[in-house]
Amino acid sequence: MSMLTNKHVLAALLVAPILAVLTWYGAGQLTDDVEQQAAPAQGGASYPLVERPGCRYPGGKCGLSNEGFKLAIVVLPTGQLRMTSAVPLDFVLVGLESEGDQGPVKALPVSAEQDRWVHNFIVMPSSEDRLRVVAGVSGASLFGDVALTFTEPSDQ
């Protein structure tokens, strides 16, 4: 007897996909899985920034992000830190987490739109250090830190 002519197998082949879809829909209803929109940043509140994956690899492109906010970070061989944001920033504080921790220092804006900022380190930070950043946007503070592994030259 062929398996496809068995009425129980045919019924299972027809009913299983329908039950799977109904279960998926029902589980969504039970957990009240409604897609929520991100709320805009509130003045006076603090929000964490997430380190982008490129910061962990030599020669990578580094940045911090949170929802729609993105901050690109570049460290030149001269020790100059350059940061670029898609939105104007009120202020940027930078510091190093290393053996000799460097406290927060204000970075300087280099554009009238205040979307590009620089800071010149006295000594070039090592690739083992971590860069701490606090950025102010419309009264809210966004903070994060990144590994400086991306400052090492790439093997490629």
Protein backbone atom coordinates (compact mmCIF):
# COMPACT_ATOMS: atom_id res chain seq x y z
CA MET A 1 0.00 0.00 0.00
CA SER A 2 1.41 3.37 -1.01
CA MET A 3 1.88 5.98 1.69
CA LEU A 4 0.19 8.73 -0.37
CA THR A 5 -2.97 6.67 -0.80
CA ASN A 6 -3.42 6.26 2.96
CA LYS A 7 -6.26 8.58 4.01
CA HIS A 8 -4.64 9.33 7.39
CA VAL A 9 -1.40 10.56 5.79
CA LEU A 10 -3.34 12.71 3.30
CA ALA A 11 -5.39 14.24 6.09
CA ALA A 12 -2.22 15.00 8.07
CA LEU A 13 -0.59 16.62 5.01
CA LEU A 14 -3.61 18.89 4.57
CA VAL A 15 -4.29 19.73 8.21
CA ALA A 16 -0.71 20.27 9.51
CA PRO A 17 0.01 23.51 7.54
CA ILE A 18 -3.38 24.94 8.51
CA LEU A 19 -2.78 24.16 12.18
CA ALA A 20 0.72 25.70 12.00
CA VAL A 21 -0.62 28.99 10.63
CA LEU A 22 -3.45 29.10 13.18
CA THR A 23 -1.00 28.37 16.02
CA TRP A 24 1.36 31.12 14.86
CA TYR A 25 -1.51 33.62 14.68
CA GLY A 26 -2.94 32.49 18.04
CA ALA A 27 0.42 32.76 19.81
CA GLY A 28 0.76 36.30 18.50
CA GLN A 29 -2.68 37.16 19.88
CA LEU A 30 -1.95 35.63 23.27
CA THR A 31 1.31 37.52 23.73
CA ASP A 32 -0.26 40.74 22.43
CA ASP A 33 2.60 40.99 19.94
CA VAL A 34 1.84 44.44 18.56
CA GLU A 35 4.69 46.12 16.73
CA GLN A 36 5.70 49.15 18.74
CA GLN A 37 7.20 52.29 17.27
CA ALA A 38 10.30 53.71 18.91
CA ALA A 39 9.55 56.81 20.95
CA PRO A 40 11.66 59.90 20.29
CA ALA A 41 14.35 60.71 22.82
CA GLN A 42 13.07 62.73 25.77
CA GLY A 43 15.03 65.74 26.98
CA GLY A 44 16.96 65.08 30.17
CA ALA A 45 16.96 61.30 29.70
CA SER A 46 19.99 59.08 28.99
CA TYR A 47 20.11 56.39 26.32
CA PRO A 48 22.82 53.75 25.69
CA LEU A 49 24.61 53.50 22.35
CA VAL A 50 25.54 50.12 20.90
CA GLU A 51 29.00 49.42 19.51
CA ARG A 52 28.88 48.49 15.81
CA PRO A 53 30.55 45.19 14.81
CA GLY A 54 33.34 46.86 12.78
CA CYS A 55 34.90 48.25 15.97
CA ARG A 56 36.06 44.77 17.01
CA TYR A 57 38.20 44.06 13.94
CA PRO A 58 41.49 45.58 12.76
CA GLY A 59 40.91 48.08 9.97
CA GLY A 60 37.14 48.03 10.53
CA LYS A 61 34.69 50.90 10.30
CA CYS A 62 33.62 51.86 13.79
CA GLY A 63 30.51 53.55 15.07
CA LEU A 64 27.88 53.74 17.75
CA SER A 65 24.13 53.55 17.19
CA ASN A 66 20.72 53.55 18.85
CA GLU A 67 17.59 53.27 16.68
CA GLY A 68 17.90 56.12 14.15
CA PHE A 69 20.96 57.74 15.76
CA LYS A 70 24.35 56.81 14.30
CA LEU A 71 27.79 58.17 15.17
CA ALA A 72 30.72 57.21 12.91
CA ILE A 73 34.15 57.18 14.58
CA VAL A 74 37.58 57.43 12.94
CA VAL A 75 40.96 57.67 14.70
CA LEU A 76 43.77 58.96 12.47
CA PRO A 77 47.40 57.80 12.95
CA THR A 78 48.18 61.31 14.27
CA GLY A 79 45.89 60.70 17.26
CA GLN A 80 43.04 62.82 15.96
CA LEU A 81 39.56 61.46 16.72
CA ARG A 82 36.87 62.35 14.17
CA MET A 83 33.17 61.76 14.76
CA THR A 84 30.34 62.27 12.29
CA SER A 85 26.63 62.22 13.07
CA ALA A 86 23.56 62.43 10.84
CA VAL A 87 21.92 64.84 13.30
CA PRO A 88 23.28 68.00 14.95
CA LEU A 89 24.78 67.38 18.38
CA ASP A 90 24.65 69.75 21.35
CA PHE A 91 27.95 68.48 22.77
CA VAL A 92 30.34 65.53 22.63
CA LEU A 93 32.48 64.31 25.55
CA VAL A 94 35.23 61.75 24.98
CA GLY A 95 37.48 59.84 27.36
CA LEU A 96 39.74 56.80 27.36
CA GLU A 97 39.41 53.71 29.51
CA SER A 98 42.98 52.46 29.86
CA GLU A 99 45.71 52.06 32.46
CA GLY A 100 45.83 55.83 32.89
CA ASP A 101 42.14 56.65 32.51
CA GLN A 102 41.56 59.95 30.74
CA GLY A 103 38.53 61.75 32.12
CA PRO A 104 35.89 63.26 29.87
CA VAL A 105 37.04 66.08 27.60
CA LYS A 106 34.84 68.17 25.32
CA ALA A 107 35.34 67.56 21.61
CA LEU A 108 35.21 70.53 19.24
CA PRO A 109 32.70 70.95 16.42
CA VAL A 110 34.24 71.48 12.98
CA SER A 111 31.06 72.25 11.08
CA ALA A 112 28.42 74.93 11.51
CA GLU A 113 25.74 72.20 11.52
CA GLN A 114 27.50 70.58 14.51
CA ASP A 115 27.38 67.16 12.85
CA ARG A 116 31.19 66.70 12.70
CA TRP A 117 33.38 66.78 15.81
CA VAL A 118 37.11 66.30 16.50
CA HIS A 119 39.40 65.74 19.46
CA ASN A 120 43.20 65.57 19.39
CA PHE A 121 44.70 63.06 21.80
CA ILE A 122 48.08 64.08 23.17
CA VAL A 123 49.29 60.48 22.90
CA MET A 124 47.94 58.07 20.31
CA PRO A 125 45.58 55.66 22.13
CA SER A 126 46.53 52.00 21.96
CA SER A 127 44.32 49.36 20.38
CA GLU A 128 43.71 47.84 23.84
CA ASP A 129 42.05 51.04 25.09
CA ARG A 130 38.33 51.71 25.01
CA LEU A 131 36.88 55.03 23.90
CA ARG A 132 34.03 56.43 25.97
CA VAL A 133 31.64 58.84 24.26
CA VAL A 134 28.73 60.95 25.52
CA ALA A 135 26.74 62.90 22.94
CA GLY A 136 23.97 65.41 23.59
CA VAL A 137 21.02 65.53 21.19
CA SER A 138 18.05 67.85 21.84
CA GLY A 139 18.57 67.76 25.59
CA ALA A 140 19.00 63.97 25.77
CA SER A 141 22.31 62.25 26.48
CA LEU A 142 23.50 59.23 24.52
CA PHE A 143 26.45 57.30 25.94
CA GLY A 144 28.57 54.36 24.87
CA ASP A 145 32.05 52.99 24.59
CA VAL A 146 33.95 51.25 21.80
CA ALA A 147 37.04 49.08 21.56
CA LEU A 148 39.86 50.74 19.65
CA THR A 149 40.83 47.47 17.93
CA PHE A 150 39.72 49.03 14.63
CA THR A 151 42.71 51.40 14.77
CA GLU A 152 45.10 48.52 14.06
CA PRO A 153 45.99 48.08 10.38
CA SER A 154 44.11 45.35 8.57
CA ASP A 155 45.93 42.17 7.49
CA GLN A 156 44.37 42.37 4.04
